[in-house]
């Protein structure tokens, strides 16, 4: 199903003579506020890699359980040269552009649903051939990179607990390397202390770490140590 979806996402530039896309009346996504928790139709635009991303929140048929977000990648000449699609979206939320893979170019985060704090987002990476490809999904409050180039995603569990996942991004998409749980504890003198432990480690062979080394390393990452701030 995913392969079929990916195959349907790429649209080549329109034929000669087709009208150019006019985005002059579309609001910037930075100022657009979708109705939280709802699937109301709308549109906004983002700028990335010298092009405009025309984000469209589709009208959802009555009785449907999920919405559809599509993104037209519009060239400087006004041609739609690729279409990205996120299906079965729980609510319409503002997307964002961020350099996820560290190559200096903008990638796209398309939110699919939200909790009290965390966002579940589809990750679309701008690749070397000039097209966006869907690398997977992340859930958390932010997306950062480690010094080694792993993708770190901290997610709040409660006021006193976090989980931080670490992923490798390659041609196959996002691969979970490990995750750690972080809990805050208040000492008798009122000082805040934290306890960090390895929660999951399916990809340690990729980074050549033992479980002990992984716990030490990932518990010391800024994405982990920064989740509880004074």
N, C-alpha and C. Protein backbone atom coordinates (compact mmCIF):
# COMPACT_ATOMS: atom_id res chain seq x y z
N UNK A 1 0.83 -1.20 0.00
CA UNK A 1 0.00 0.00 0.00
C UNK A 1 0.87 1.25 0.00
N UNK A 2 1.92 1.22 0.83
CA UNK A 2 2.82 2.39 0.88
C UNK A 2 3.47 2.62 -0.47
N UNK A 3 3.90 1.52 -1.15
CA UNK A 3 4.53 1.68 -2.46
C UNK A 3 3.56 2.29 -3.44
N UNK A 4 2.27 1.87 -3.36
CA UNK A 4 1.27 2.43 -4.26
C UNK A 4 1.06 3.90 -3.97
N UNK A 5 1.04 4.25 -2.69
CA UNK A 5 0.88 5.66 -2.32
C UNK A 5 2.04 6.49 -2.81
N UNK A 6 3.27 5.97 -2.63
CA UNK A 6 4.44 6.71 -3.08
C UNK A 6 4.41 6.91 -4.58
N UNK A 7 3.97 5.88 -5.31
CA UNK A 7 3.94 5.98 -6.76
C UNK A 7 2.95 7.02 -7.23
N UNK A 8 1.92 7.30 -6.42
CA UNK A 8 0.89 8.25 -6.81
C UNK A 8 1.20 9.67 -6.41
N UNK A 9 2.31 9.88 -5.69
CA UNK A 9 2.57 11.19 -5.13
C UNK A 9 3.33 12.12 -6.06
N UNK A 10 4.03 11.59 -7.03
CA UNK A 10 4.87 12.42 -7.87
C UNK A 10 4.12 12.86 -9.11
N UNK A 11 3.99 14.16 -9.30
CA UNK A 11 3.35 14.69 -10.50
C UNK A 11 4.37 15.53 -11.24
N UNK A 12 4.59 15.24 -12.52
CA UNK A 12 5.57 15.99 -13.30
C UNK A 12 5.01 17.34 -13.67
N UNK A 13 5.87 18.26 -14.09
CA UNK A 13 5.44 19.60 -14.46
C UNK A 13 4.40 19.53 -15.56
N UNK A 14 3.47 20.49 -15.52
CA UNK A 14 2.36 20.50 -16.47
C UNK A 14 2.83 20.71 -17.90
N UNK A 15 1.95 20.37 -18.84
CA UNK A 15 2.28 20.52 -20.25
C UNK A 15 2.30 21.98 -20.64
N UNK A 16 2.99 22.28 -21.72
CA UNK A 16 3.07 23.65 -22.20
C UNK A 16 1.67 24.16 -22.49
N UNK A 17 1.43 25.38 -22.11
CA UNK A 17 0.15 25.99 -22.36
C UNK A 17 -0.81 25.91 -21.18
N UNK A 18 -0.51 25.05 -20.18
CA UNK A 18 -1.37 24.99 -19.00
C UNK A 18 -1.19 26.26 -18.17
N UNK A 19 -2.26 26.71 -17.49
CA UNK A 19 -2.16 27.94 -16.71
C UNK A 19 -1.21 27.78 -15.53
N UNK A 20 -0.48 28.84 -15.22
CA UNK A 20 0.41 28.83 -14.07
C UNK A 20 -0.42 28.95 -12.79
N UNK A 21 0.14 28.47 -11.68
CA UNK A 21 -0.56 28.51 -10.41
C UNK A 21 -0.45 29.90 -9.80
N UNK A 22 -1.58 30.48 -9.43
CA UNK A 22 -1.61 31.80 -8.80
C UNK A 22 -1.82 31.61 -7.30
N UNK A 23 -0.78 31.89 -6.51
CA UNK A 23 -0.85 31.72 -5.06
C UNK A 23 -0.87 33.05 -4.32
N UNK A 24 -1.15 34.12 -5.03
CA UNK A 24 -1.06 35.46 -4.44
C UNK A 24 -2.06 35.66 -3.30
N UNK A 25 -3.20 34.97 -3.33
CA UNK A 25 -4.23 35.16 -2.31
C UNK A 25 -4.22 34.07 -1.24
N UNK A 26 -3.23 33.19 -1.30
CA UNK A 26 -3.13 32.11 -0.30
C UNK A 26 -2.31 32.60 0.88
N UNK A 27 -2.81 32.49 2.12
CA UNK A 27 -2.05 32.97 3.28
C UNK A 27 -0.84 32.10 3.57
N UNK A 28 0.18 32.73 4.16
CA UNK A 28 1.35 31.97 4.60
C UNK A 28 0.95 31.06 5.75
N UNK A 29 1.55 29.88 5.81
CA UNK A 29 1.21 28.93 6.88
C UNK A 29 1.55 29.49 8.26
N UNK A 30 2.51 30.40 8.33
CA UNK A 30 2.89 30.98 9.62
C UNK A 30 1.74 31.78 10.23
N UNK A 31 0.86 32.31 9.39
CA UNK A 31 -0.27 33.10 9.89
C UNK A 31 -1.60 32.37 9.78
N UNK A 32 -1.55 31.14 9.30
CA UNK A 32 -2.79 30.36 9.11
C UNK A 32 -3.04 29.51 10.35
N UNK A 33 -4.27 29.51 10.83
CA UNK A 33 -4.60 28.75 12.03
C UNK A 33 -5.76 27.80 11.74
N UNK A 34 -5.45 26.55 11.41
CA UNK A 34 -6.54 25.58 11.20
C UNK A 34 -7.31 25.36 12.50
N UNK A 35 -8.53 24.92 12.39
CA UNK A 35 -9.34 24.65 13.57
C UNK A 35 -8.83 23.39 14.25
N UNK A 36 -8.28 23.54 15.44
CA UNK A 36 -7.68 22.41 16.15
C UNK A 36 -8.73 21.34 16.43
N UNK A 37 -8.36 20.10 16.12
CA UNK A 37 -9.26 18.99 16.35
C UNK A 37 -10.31 18.81 15.28
N UNK A 38 -10.25 19.63 14.23
CA UNK A 38 -11.27 19.56 13.19
C UNK A 38 -10.65 19.25 11.84
N UNK A 39 -11.52 18.96 10.86
CA UNK A 39 -11.08 18.68 9.50
C UNK A 39 -11.77 19.65 8.54
N UNK A 40 -11.62 20.94 8.83
CA UNK A 40 -12.24 21.95 7.99
C UNK A 40 -11.32 22.28 6.81
N UNK A 41 -11.88 22.43 5.60
CA UNK A 41 -11.06 22.70 4.41
C UNK A 41 -10.36 24.05 4.50
N UNK A 42 -9.22 24.15 3.83
CA UNK A 42 -8.47 25.40 3.81
C UNK A 42 -7.18 25.21 3.05
N UNK A 43 -6.33 26.24 3.08
CA UNK A 43 -5.05 26.19 2.36
C UNK A 43 -4.10 27.22 2.93
N UNK A 44 -2.81 26.94 2.79
CA UNK A 44 -1.77 27.90 3.15
C UNK A 44 -0.54 27.59 2.32
N UNK A 45 0.49 28.41 2.42
CA UNK A 45 1.69 28.18 1.62
C UNK A 45 2.95 28.37 2.44
N UNK A 46 3.99 27.64 2.04
CA UNK A 46 5.31 27.69 2.64
C UNK A 46 6.34 27.91 1.54
N UNK A 47 7.51 28.41 1.91
CA UNK A 47 8.61 28.54 0.97
C UNK A 47 9.71 27.56 1.37
N UNK A 48 10.24 26.85 0.38
CA UNK A 48 11.33 25.91 0.65
C UNK A 48 12.10 25.66 -0.64
N UNK A 49 13.42 25.74 -0.55
CA UNK A 49 14.31 25.38 -1.66
C UNK A 49 13.99 26.17 -2.94
N UNK A 50 13.64 27.45 -2.77
CA UNK A 50 13.37 28.31 -3.91
C UNK A 50 12.03 28.07 -4.57
N UNK A 51 11.16 27.29 -3.92
CA UNK A 51 9.86 26.98 -4.47
C UNK A 51 8.78 27.25 -3.42
N UNK A 52 7.53 27.22 -3.86
CA UNK A 52 6.39 27.39 -2.96
C UNK A 52 5.70 26.07 -2.75
N UNK A 53 5.38 25.77 -1.51
CA UNK A 53 4.63 24.57 -1.17
C UNK A 53 3.19 24.99 -0.87
N UNK A 54 2.28 24.63 -1.74
CA UNK A 54 0.87 24.98 -1.61
C UNK A 54 0.17 23.86 -0.85
N UNK A 55 -0.11 24.09 0.43
CA UNK A 55 -0.70 23.08 1.31
C UNK A 55 -2.21 23.20 1.26
N UNK A 56 -2.89 22.09 0.94
CA UNK A 56 -4.35 22.10 0.82
C UNK A 56 -4.98 21.08 1.76
N UNK A 57 -5.88 21.57 2.60
CA UNK A 57 -6.63 20.71 3.50
C UNK A 57 -7.97 20.41 2.85
N UNK A 58 -8.17 19.16 2.47
CA UNK A 58 -9.34 18.81 1.67
C UNK A 58 -10.62 18.80 2.49
N UNK A 59 -11.73 19.13 1.83
CA UNK A 59 -13.03 18.96 2.45
C UNK A 59 -13.28 17.47 2.64
N UNK A 60 -13.71 17.09 3.83
CA UNK A 60 -13.89 15.68 4.15
C UNK A 60 -15.35 15.29 4.01
N UNK A 61 -15.64 14.26 3.22
CA UNK A 61 -17.03 13.82 3.07
C UNK A 61 -17.65 13.44 4.40
N UNK A 62 -18.94 13.68 4.55
CA UNK A 62 -19.64 13.35 5.78
C UNK A 62 -19.53 11.85 6.04
N UNK A 63 -19.19 11.52 7.27
CA UNK A 63 -19.05 10.12 7.64
C UNK A 63 -17.64 9.58 7.51
N UNK A 64 -16.74 10.37 6.88
CA UNK A 64 -15.37 9.92 6.73
C UNK A 64 -14.63 10.03 8.05
N UNK A 65 -13.72 9.09 8.32
CA UNK A 65 -13.00 9.08 9.59
C UNK A 65 -11.65 9.78 9.51
N UNK A 66 -11.25 10.21 8.32
CA UNK A 66 -9.94 10.86 8.20
C UNK A 66 -9.90 11.85 7.08
N UNK A 67 -9.00 12.81 7.20
CA UNK A 67 -8.85 13.83 6.18
C UNK A 67 -7.66 13.58 5.28
N UNK A 68 -7.52 14.44 4.29
CA UNK A 68 -6.42 14.35 3.34
C UNK A 68 -5.73 15.71 3.22
N UNK A 69 -4.41 15.70 3.36
CA UNK A 69 -3.61 16.90 3.13
C UNK A 69 -2.78 16.66 1.87
N UNK A 70 -2.85 17.58 0.93
CA UNK A 70 -2.02 17.49 -0.27
C UNK A 70 -1.15 18.73 -0.36
N UNK A 71 0.02 18.57 -0.93
CA UNK A 71 0.96 19.67 -1.07
C UNK A 71 1.43 19.74 -2.51
N UNK A 72 1.11 20.84 -3.19
CA UNK A 72 1.63 21.07 -4.53
C UNK A 72 2.99 21.75 -4.42
N UNK A 73 4.00 21.16 -5.01
CA UNK A 73 5.33 21.79 -5.08
C UNK A 73 5.35 22.63 -6.34
N UNK A 74 5.35 23.96 -6.15
CA UNK A 74 5.21 24.89 -7.27
C UNK A 74 6.55 25.54 -7.57
N UNK A 75 7.03 25.38 -8.78
CA UNK A 75 8.32 25.93 -9.17
C UNK A 75 8.25 27.45 -9.25
N UNK A 76 9.44 28.08 -9.39
CA UNK A 76 9.50 29.53 -9.51
C UNK A 76 8.74 30.03 -10.73
N UNK A 77 8.57 29.16 -11.72
CA UNK A 77 7.84 29.52 -12.94
C UNK A 77 6.34 29.33 -12.80
N UNK A 78 5.90 28.77 -11.67
CA UNK A 78 4.48 28.58 -11.44
C UNK A 78 3.94 27.23 -11.83
N UNK A 79 4.81 26.27 -12.15
CA UNK A 79 4.36 24.93 -12.53
C UNK A 79 4.30 24.03 -11.30
N UNK A 80 3.28 23.20 -11.22
CA UNK A 80 3.21 22.16 -10.19
C UNK A 80 4.03 20.97 -10.68
N UNK A 81 5.14 20.69 -10.02
CA UNK A 81 6.02 19.64 -10.52
C UNK A 81 6.01 18.40 -9.64
N UNK A 82 5.34 18.46 -8.49
CA UNK A 82 5.20 17.28 -7.65
C UNK A 82 4.02 17.51 -6.70
N UNK A 83 3.33 16.43 -6.36
CA UNK A 83 2.23 16.50 -5.40
C UNK A 83 2.50 15.49 -4.29
N UNK A 84 2.46 15.96 -3.03
CA UNK A 84 2.65 15.11 -1.87
C UNK A 84 1.30 14.89 -1.21
N UNK A 85 1.04 13.70 -0.70
CA UNK A 85 -0.26 13.40 -0.11
C UNK A 85 -0.09 12.68 1.22
N UNK A 86 -0.80 13.19 2.24
CA UNK A 86 -0.94 12.51 3.52
C UNK A 86 -2.41 12.13 3.67
N UNK A 87 -2.69 10.84 3.79
CA UNK A 87 -4.06 10.35 3.91
C UNK A 87 -4.38 9.96 5.34
N UNK A 88 -5.68 9.83 5.61
CA UNK A 88 -6.18 9.39 6.92
C UNK A 88 -5.62 10.25 8.06
N UNK A 89 -5.64 11.56 7.84
CA UNK A 89 -5.15 12.52 8.84
C UNK A 89 -6.26 12.80 9.85
N UNK A 90 -5.92 12.79 11.14
CA UNK A 90 -6.93 12.95 12.19
C UNK A 90 -7.41 14.38 12.35
N UNK A 91 -6.52 15.34 12.10
CA UNK A 91 -6.88 16.75 12.19
C UNK A 91 -5.94 17.56 11.32
N UNK A 92 -6.36 18.76 10.96
CA UNK A 92 -5.56 19.63 10.11
C UNK A 92 -4.77 20.60 10.98
N UNK A 93 -3.46 20.54 10.87
CA UNK A 93 -2.55 21.35 11.67
C UNK A 93 -1.52 22.00 10.75
N UNK A 94 -0.93 23.07 11.22
CA UNK A 94 0.00 23.84 10.40
C UNK A 94 1.29 23.06 10.16
N UNK A 95 1.71 22.88 8.91
CA UNK A 95 2.98 22.20 8.60
C UNK A 95 4.16 23.14 8.79
N UNK A 96 5.36 22.59 8.70
CA UNK A 96 6.56 23.41 8.86
C UNK A 96 7.69 22.88 8.00
N UNK A 97 8.63 23.75 7.70
CA UNK A 97 9.83 23.40 6.93
C UNK A 97 11.02 23.41 7.88
N UNK A 98 11.82 22.35 7.82
CA UNK A 98 13.00 22.23 8.67
C UNK A 98 14.02 21.36 7.95
N UNK A 99 15.30 21.65 8.15
CA UNK A 99 16.35 20.81 7.57
C UNK A 99 16.52 19.58 8.45
N UNK A 100 15.83 18.50 8.09
CA UNK A 100 15.84 17.29 8.90
C UNK A 100 17.12 16.49 8.70
N UNK A 101 17.58 16.37 7.45
CA UNK A 101 18.72 15.50 7.16
C UNK A 101 20.06 16.21 7.19
N UNK A 102 20.09 17.51 7.45
CA UNK A 102 21.34 18.23 7.62
C UNK A 102 22.08 18.56 6.34
N UNK A 103 21.38 18.55 5.20
CA UNK A 103 22.06 18.87 3.93
C UNK A 103 21.92 20.33 3.54
N UNK A 104 21.34 21.15 4.42
CA UNK A 104 21.21 22.58 4.15
C UNK A 104 19.97 22.95 3.35
N UNK A 105 19.13 21.97 3.02
CA UNK A 105 17.90 22.22 2.26
C UNK A 105 16.68 21.92 3.13
N UNK A 106 15.56 22.55 2.77
CA UNK A 106 14.36 22.42 3.59
C UNK A 106 13.63 21.11 3.36
N UNK A 107 13.27 20.45 4.44
CA UNK A 107 12.41 19.27 4.41
C UNK A 107 11.07 19.65 5.02
N UNK A 108 10.08 18.80 4.90
CA UNK A 108 8.72 19.16 5.29
C UNK A 108 8.19 18.23 6.37
N UNK A 109 7.60 18.84 7.41
CA UNK A 109 6.90 18.10 8.45
C UNK A 109 5.40 18.36 8.29
N UNK A 110 4.64 17.31 8.01
CA UNK A 110 3.19 17.43 7.83
C UNK A 110 2.49 16.77 9.03
N UNK A 111 1.98 17.57 9.97
CA UNK A 111 1.32 16.99 11.14
C UNK A 111 0.08 16.18 10.76
N UNK A 112 -0.13 15.07 11.46
CA UNK A 112 -1.26 14.19 11.22
C UNK A 112 -2.26 14.20 12.39
N UNK A 113 -1.74 14.35 13.59
CA UNK A 113 -2.60 14.41 14.77
C UNK A 113 -1.80 14.98 15.92
N UNK A 114 -2.50 15.42 16.95
CA UNK A 114 -1.82 16.00 18.11
C UNK A 114 -2.41 15.45 19.40
N UNK A 115 -1.55 15.43 20.43
CA UNK A 115 -2.01 15.15 21.77
C UNK A 115 -2.01 16.46 22.53
N UNK A 116 -1.82 16.38 23.83
CA UNK A 116 -1.73 17.62 24.61
C UNK A 116 -0.51 18.44 24.22
N UNK A 117 0.58 17.75 23.90
CA UNK A 117 1.84 18.42 23.55
C UNK A 117 2.43 17.85 22.28
N UNK A 118 2.47 16.54 22.16
CA UNK A 118 3.17 15.88 21.06
C UNK A 118 2.40 15.97 19.74
N UNK A 119 3.16 16.01 18.65
CA UNK A 119 2.60 15.96 17.30
C UNK A 119 3.08 14.70 16.59
N UNK A 120 2.19 14.03 15.90
CA UNK A 120 2.56 12.96 14.99
C UNK A 120 2.63 13.57 13.60
N UNK A 121 3.80 13.49 12.95
CA UNK A 121 4.00 14.15 11.66
C UNK A 121 4.60 13.21 10.64
N UNK A 122 4.15 13.34 9.40
CA UNK A 122 4.83 12.69 8.29
C UNK A 122 6.06 13.49 7.93
N UNK A 123 7.18 12.81 7.70
CA UNK A 123 8.45 13.46 7.39
C UNK A 123 8.73 13.30 5.90
N UNK A 124 8.83 14.43 5.20
CA UNK A 124 9.11 14.44 3.76
C UNK A 124 10.47 15.10 3.53
N UNK A 125 11.40 14.32 3.03
CA UNK A 125 12.78 14.76 2.86
C UNK A 125 13.02 15.19 1.41
N UNK A 126 13.64 16.35 1.24
CA UNK A 126 14.00 16.85 -0.10
C UNK A 126 15.28 16.15 -0.53
N UNK A 127 15.18 15.32 -1.56
CA UNK A 127 16.30 14.45 -1.93
C UNK A 127 17.16 15.06 -3.03
N UNK A 128 18.23 14.36 -3.37
CA UNK A 128 19.20 14.87 -4.33
C UNK A 128 18.67 15.05 -5.73
N UNK A 129 17.58 14.35 -6.08
CA UNK A 129 17.01 14.51 -7.42
C UNK A 129 16.00 15.64 -7.49
N UNK A 130 15.89 16.41 -6.40
CA UNK A 130 14.99 17.55 -6.40
C UNK A 130 13.56 17.23 -6.08
N UNK A 131 13.27 16.00 -5.65
CA UNK A 131 11.93 15.61 -5.28
C UNK A 131 11.86 15.31 -3.78
N UNK A 132 10.67 15.43 -3.23
CA UNK A 132 10.45 15.07 -1.83
C UNK A 132 10.05 13.60 -1.76
N UNK A 133 10.54 12.91 -0.74
CA UNK A 133 10.15 11.53 -0.52
C UNK A 133 9.74 11.38 0.95
N UNK A 134 8.74 10.55 1.17
CA UNK A 134 8.26 10.34 2.54
C UNK A 134 9.18 9.36 3.25
N UNK A 135 9.77 9.81 4.37
CA UNK A 135 10.74 8.99 5.08
C UNK A 135 10.12 8.23 6.24
N UNK A 136 8.88 8.57 6.62
CA UNK A 136 8.24 7.92 7.75
C UNK A 136 7.52 8.92 8.62
N UNK A 137 7.27 8.54 9.87
CA UNK A 137 6.56 9.40 10.81
C UNK A 137 7.34 9.52 12.10
N UNK A 138 7.17 10.65 12.77
CA UNK A 138 7.74 10.84 14.09
C UNK A 138 6.65 11.38 15.02
N UNK A 139 6.82 11.16 16.31
CA UNK A 139 5.88 11.67 17.30
C UNK A 139 6.66 12.32 18.42
N UNK A 140 6.40 13.60 18.64
CA UNK A 140 7.11 14.31 19.70
C UNK A 140 6.86 15.80 19.65
N UNK A 141 7.68 16.52 20.38
CA UNK A 141 7.52 17.98 20.46
C UNK A 141 8.51 18.71 19.57
N UNK A 142 9.52 18.02 19.08
CA UNK A 142 10.55 18.65 18.25
C UNK A 142 11.30 17.57 17.49
N UNK A 143 12.05 18.01 16.48
CA UNK A 143 12.93 17.12 15.72
C UNK A 143 14.30 17.77 15.67
N UNK A 144 15.34 17.06 16.11
CA UNK A 144 16.69 17.60 16.15
C UNK A 144 17.66 16.58 15.58
N UNK A 145 18.93 16.99 15.47
CA UNK A 145 19.97 16.10 14.96
C UNK A 145 21.09 15.98 15.98
N UNK A 146 21.65 14.78 16.08
CA UNK A 146 22.82 14.59 16.93
C UNK A 146 24.07 14.95 16.13
N UNK A 147 25.20 15.03 16.80
CA UNK A 147 26.47 15.33 16.11
C UNK A 147 26.81 14.27 15.08
N UNK A 148 26.35 13.04 15.30
CA UNK A 148 26.63 11.95 14.36
C UNK A 148 25.61 11.89 13.22
N UNK A 149 24.61 12.78 13.25
CA UNK A 149 23.64 12.82 12.17
C UNK A 149 22.39 12.00 12.40
N UNK A 150 22.19 11.45 13.59
CA UNK A 150 20.94 10.76 13.89
C UNK A 150 19.83 11.77 14.13
N UNK A 151 18.59 11.35 13.92
CA UNK A 151 17.43 12.19 14.14
C UNK A 151 16.90 11.91 15.54
N UNK A 152 16.83 12.94 16.38
CA UNK A 152 16.37 12.80 17.76
C UNK A 152 15.00 13.45 17.92
N UNK A 153 14.07 12.72 18.55
CA UNK A 153 12.70 13.22 18.70
C UNK A 153 12.26 13.03 20.16
N UNK A 154 12.29 14.10 20.97
CA UNK A 154 11.78 14.00 22.34
C UNK A 154 10.26 14.10 22.37
N UNK A 155 9.63 13.24 23.18
CA UNK A 155 8.18 13.23 23.32
C UNK A 155 7.83 13.24 24.81
N UNK A 156 6.92 14.12 25.19
CA UNK A 156 6.53 14.20 26.60
C UNK A 156 5.52 13.11 26.93
N UNK A 157 5.78 12.38 28.03
CA UNK A 157 4.84 11.39 28.50
C UNK A 157 3.92 11.94 29.57
N UNK A 158 4.48 12.74 30.46
CA UNK A 158 3.73 13.41 31.52
C UNK A 158 4.56 14.59 31.99
N UNK A 159 4.12 15.26 33.03
CA UNK A 159 4.88 16.39 33.56
C UNK A 159 6.24 15.96 34.07
N UNK A 160 6.38 14.67 34.40
CA UNK A 160 7.63 14.19 34.99
C UNK A 160 8.32 13.12 34.16
N UNK A 161 7.88 12.89 32.93
CA UNK A 161 8.51 11.83 32.14
C UNK A 161 8.56 12.18 30.66
N UNK A 162 9.63 11.73 30.02
CA UNK A 162 9.83 11.91 28.58
C UNK A 162 10.34 10.62 27.98
N UNK A 163 10.15 10.47 26.68
CA UNK A 163 10.80 9.44 25.91
C UNK A 163 11.48 10.11 24.72
N UNK A 164 12.72 9.75 24.45
CA UNK A 164 13.45 10.34 23.33
C UNK A 164 13.87 9.22 22.40
N UNK A 165 13.43 9.31 21.14
CA UNK A 165 13.80 8.30 20.15
C UNK A 165 14.91 8.84 19.25
N UNK A 166 15.76 7.93 18.80
CA UNK A 166 16.88 8.27 17.92
C UNK A 166 16.79 7.40 16.67
N UNK A 167 16.78 8.06 15.51
CA UNK A 167 16.58 7.37 14.24
C UNK A 167 17.74 7.64 13.29
N UNK A 168 18.01 6.65 12.45
CA UNK A 168 18.90 6.88 11.32
C UNK A 168 18.04 7.13 10.09
N UNK A 169 18.44 8.11 9.28
CA UNK A 169 17.74 8.41 8.04
C UNK A 169 18.60 7.95 6.88
N UNK A 170 18.10 6.99 6.10
CA UNK A 170 18.83 6.52 4.92
C UNK A 170 17.85 6.36 3.76
N UNK A 171 18.27 5.69 2.72
CA UNK A 171 17.42 5.53 1.54
C UNK A 171 16.13 4.78 1.85
N UNK A 172 16.16 3.98 2.90
CA UNK A 172 14.96 3.24 3.29
C UNK A 172 14.02 4.02 4.17
N UNK A 173 14.41 5.23 4.55
CA UNK A 173 13.58 6.06 5.42
C UNK A 173 14.15 6.14 6.82
N UNK A 174 13.29 6.43 7.78
CA UNK A 174 13.70 6.54 9.18
C UNK A 174 13.75 5.15 9.82
N UNK A 175 14.88 4.83 10.45
CA UNK A 175 15.05 3.56 11.14
C UNK A 175 15.32 3.84 12.62
N UNK A 176 14.50 3.26 13.48
CA UNK A 176 14.70 3.46 14.91
C UNK A 176 15.97 2.76 15.36
N UNK A 177 16.87 3.53 15.96
CA UNK A 177 18.10 2.97 16.52
C UNK A 177 17.90 2.62 17.98
N UNK A 178 17.38 3.57 18.74
CA UNK A 178 17.18 3.35 20.18
C UNK A 178 16.26 4.43 20.73
N UNK A 179 15.75 4.17 21.92
CA UNK A 179 15.01 5.20 22.65
C UNK A 179 15.35 5.11 24.13
N UNK A 180 15.22 6.24 24.80
CA UNK A 180 15.49 6.28 26.24
C UNK A 180 14.30 6.91 26.95
N UNK A 181 14.07 6.47 28.18
CA UNK A 181 13.06 7.06 29.05
C UNK A 181 13.75 7.94 30.07
N UNK A 182 13.19 9.12 30.28
CA UNK A 182 13.74 10.07 31.25
C UNK A 182 12.66 10.43 32.25
N UNK A 183 12.98 10.32 33.53
CA UNK A 183 12.03 10.66 34.58
C UNK A 183 12.65 11.66 35.53
N UNK A 184 11.84 12.60 35.98
CA UNK A 184 12.30 13.59 36.94
C UNK A 184 11.86 13.20 38.34
N UNK A 185 12.74 13.42 39.30
CA UNK A 185 12.43 13.15 40.70
C UNK A 185 12.89 14.33 41.54
N UNK A 186 12.07 14.68 42.51
CA UNK A 186 12.41 15.81 43.38
C UNK A 186 12.98 15.29 44.68
N UNK A 187 14.17 15.75 45.00
CA UNK A 187 14.83 15.34 46.23
C UNK A 187 14.20 16.05 47.43
N UNK A 188 14.57 15.60 48.63
CA UNK A 188 14.01 16.17 49.86
C UNK A 188 14.31 17.65 49.98
N UNK A 189 15.44 18.10 49.43
CA UNK A 189 15.81 19.51 49.51
C UNK A 189 15.18 20.34 48.39
N UNK A 190 14.34 19.70 47.58
CA UNK A 190 13.66 20.43 46.51
C UNK A 190 14.41 20.41 45.19
N UNK A 191 15.62 19.88 45.17
CA UNK A 191 16.39 19.83 43.92
C UNK A 191 15.79 18.79 42.98
N UNK A 192 15.88 19.09 41.68
CA UNK A 192 15.35 18.19 40.66
C UNK A 192 16.45 17.28 40.14
N UNK A 193 16.23 16.00 40.20
CA UNK A 193 17.17 15.03 39.64
C UNK A 193 16.45 14.23 38.56
N UNK A 194 17.23 13.65 37.66
CA UNK A 194 16.62 12.86 36.58
C UNK A 194 17.25 11.48 36.52
N UNK A 195 16.45 10.54 36.05
CA UNK A 195 16.92 9.18 35.84
C UNK A 195 16.65 8.82 34.38
N UNK A 196 17.68 8.33 33.69
CA UNK A 196 17.55 7.99 32.28
C UNK A 196 17.93 6.52 32.08
N UNK A 197 17.12 5.82 31.28
CA UNK A 197 17.41 4.41 31.03
C UNK A 197 17.06 4.06 29.59
N UNK A 198 17.76 3.09 29.05
CA UNK A 198 17.50 2.63 27.70
C UNK A 198 16.16 1.90 27.66
N UNK A 199 15.25 2.33 26.77
CA UNK A 199 13.92 1.73 26.70
C UNK A 199 13.79 0.73 25.57
N UNK A 200 14.42 1.01 24.45
CA UNK A 200 14.32 0.15 23.27
C UNK A 200 15.60 0.31 22.47
N UNK A 201 16.05 -0.75 21.81
CA UNK A 201 17.32 -0.66 21.08
C UNK A 201 17.34 -1.61 19.90
N UNK A 202 16.45 -1.43 18.92
CA UNK A 202 16.39 -2.38 17.79
C UNK A 202 17.48 -2.20 16.75
N UNK A 203 18.21 -1.06 16.79
CA UNK A 203 19.17 -0.80 15.72
C UNK A 203 20.60 -0.58 16.17
N UNK A 204 20.96 -1.15 17.30
CA UNK A 204 22.32 -0.90 17.82
C UNK A 204 23.41 -1.48 16.93
N UNK A 205 23.08 -2.53 16.18
CA UNK A 205 24.11 -3.09 15.29
C UNK A 205 24.47 -2.10 14.19
N UNK A 206 23.56 -1.21 13.85
CA UNK A 206 23.83 -0.21 12.81
C UNK A 206 24.88 0.79 13.28
N UNK A 207 24.82 1.15 14.57
CA UNK A 207 25.75 2.15 15.11
C UNK A 207 26.88 1.51 15.91
N UNK A 208 26.90 0.17 15.95
CA UNK A 208 27.99 -0.59 16.58
C UNK A 208 28.16 -0.22 18.06
N UNK A 209 27.05 -0.28 18.79
CA UNK A 209 27.09 0.00 20.22
C UNK A 209 26.50 -1.18 21.00
N UNK A 210 27.05 -1.42 22.18
CA UNK A 210 26.43 -2.36 23.09
C UNK A 210 25.28 -1.65 23.81
N UNK A 211 24.46 -2.40 24.52
CA UNK A 211 23.35 -1.77 25.24
C UNK A 211 23.87 -0.80 26.30
N UNK A 212 24.96 -1.16 26.96
CA UNK A 212 25.53 -0.27 27.98
C UNK A 212 26.06 1.02 27.33
N UNK A 213 26.76 0.86 26.23
CA UNK A 213 27.28 2.04 25.52
C UNK A 213 26.15 2.91 25.00
N UNK A 214 25.09 2.28 24.51
CA UNK A 214 23.95 3.03 23.97
C UNK A 214 23.27 3.84 25.07
N UNK A 215 23.07 3.24 26.22
CA UNK A 215 22.43 3.97 27.31
C UNK A 215 23.26 5.17 27.72
N UNK A 216 24.56 4.97 27.84
CA UNK A 216 25.44 6.08 28.21
C UNK A 216 25.40 7.18 27.17
N UNK A 217 25.48 6.80 25.90
CA UNK A 217 25.53 7.78 24.83
C UNK A 217 24.22 8.55 24.69
N UNK A 218 23.10 7.83 24.57
CA UNK A 218 21.84 8.50 24.28
C UNK A 218 21.28 9.25 25.48
N UNK A 219 21.62 8.83 26.67
CA UNK A 219 21.20 9.58 27.86
C UNK A 219 21.98 10.89 28.00
N UNK A 220 23.14 10.97 27.34
CA UNK A 220 23.95 12.18 27.42
C UNK A 220 23.70 13.15 26.27
N UNK A 221 22.86 12.77 25.29
CA UNK A 221 22.60 13.64 24.15
C UNK A 221 21.83 14.89 24.59
N UNK A 222 22.11 16.06 23.96
CA UNK A 222 21.39 17.28 24.31
C UNK A 222 19.87 17.15 24.21
N UNK A 223 19.39 16.37 23.25
CA UNK A 223 17.94 16.18 23.12
C UNK A 223 17.35 15.49 24.34
N UNK A 224 18.19 14.71 25.05
CA UNK A 224 17.74 14.02 26.25
C UNK A 224 17.94 14.89 27.49
N UNK A 225 19.14 15.44 27.64
CA UNK A 225 19.43 16.20 28.84
C UNK A 225 18.65 17.51 28.90
N UNK A 226 18.16 17.98 27.74
CA UNK A 226 17.46 19.27 27.73
C UNK A 226 15.97 19.18 27.94
N UNK A 227 15.40 17.96 28.13
CA UNK A 227 13.95 17.87 28.25
C UNK A 227 13.42 18.45 29.57
N UNK A 228 14.24 18.38 30.62
CA UNK A 228 13.86 19.02 31.87
C UNK A 228 14.78 20.21 32.09
N UNK A 229 14.19 21.39 32.09
CA UNK A 229 14.96 22.62 32.26
C UNK A 229 14.49 23.33 33.53
N UNK A 230 15.42 23.99 34.22
CA UNK A 230 15.01 24.71 35.45
C UNK A 230 13.93 25.73 35.13
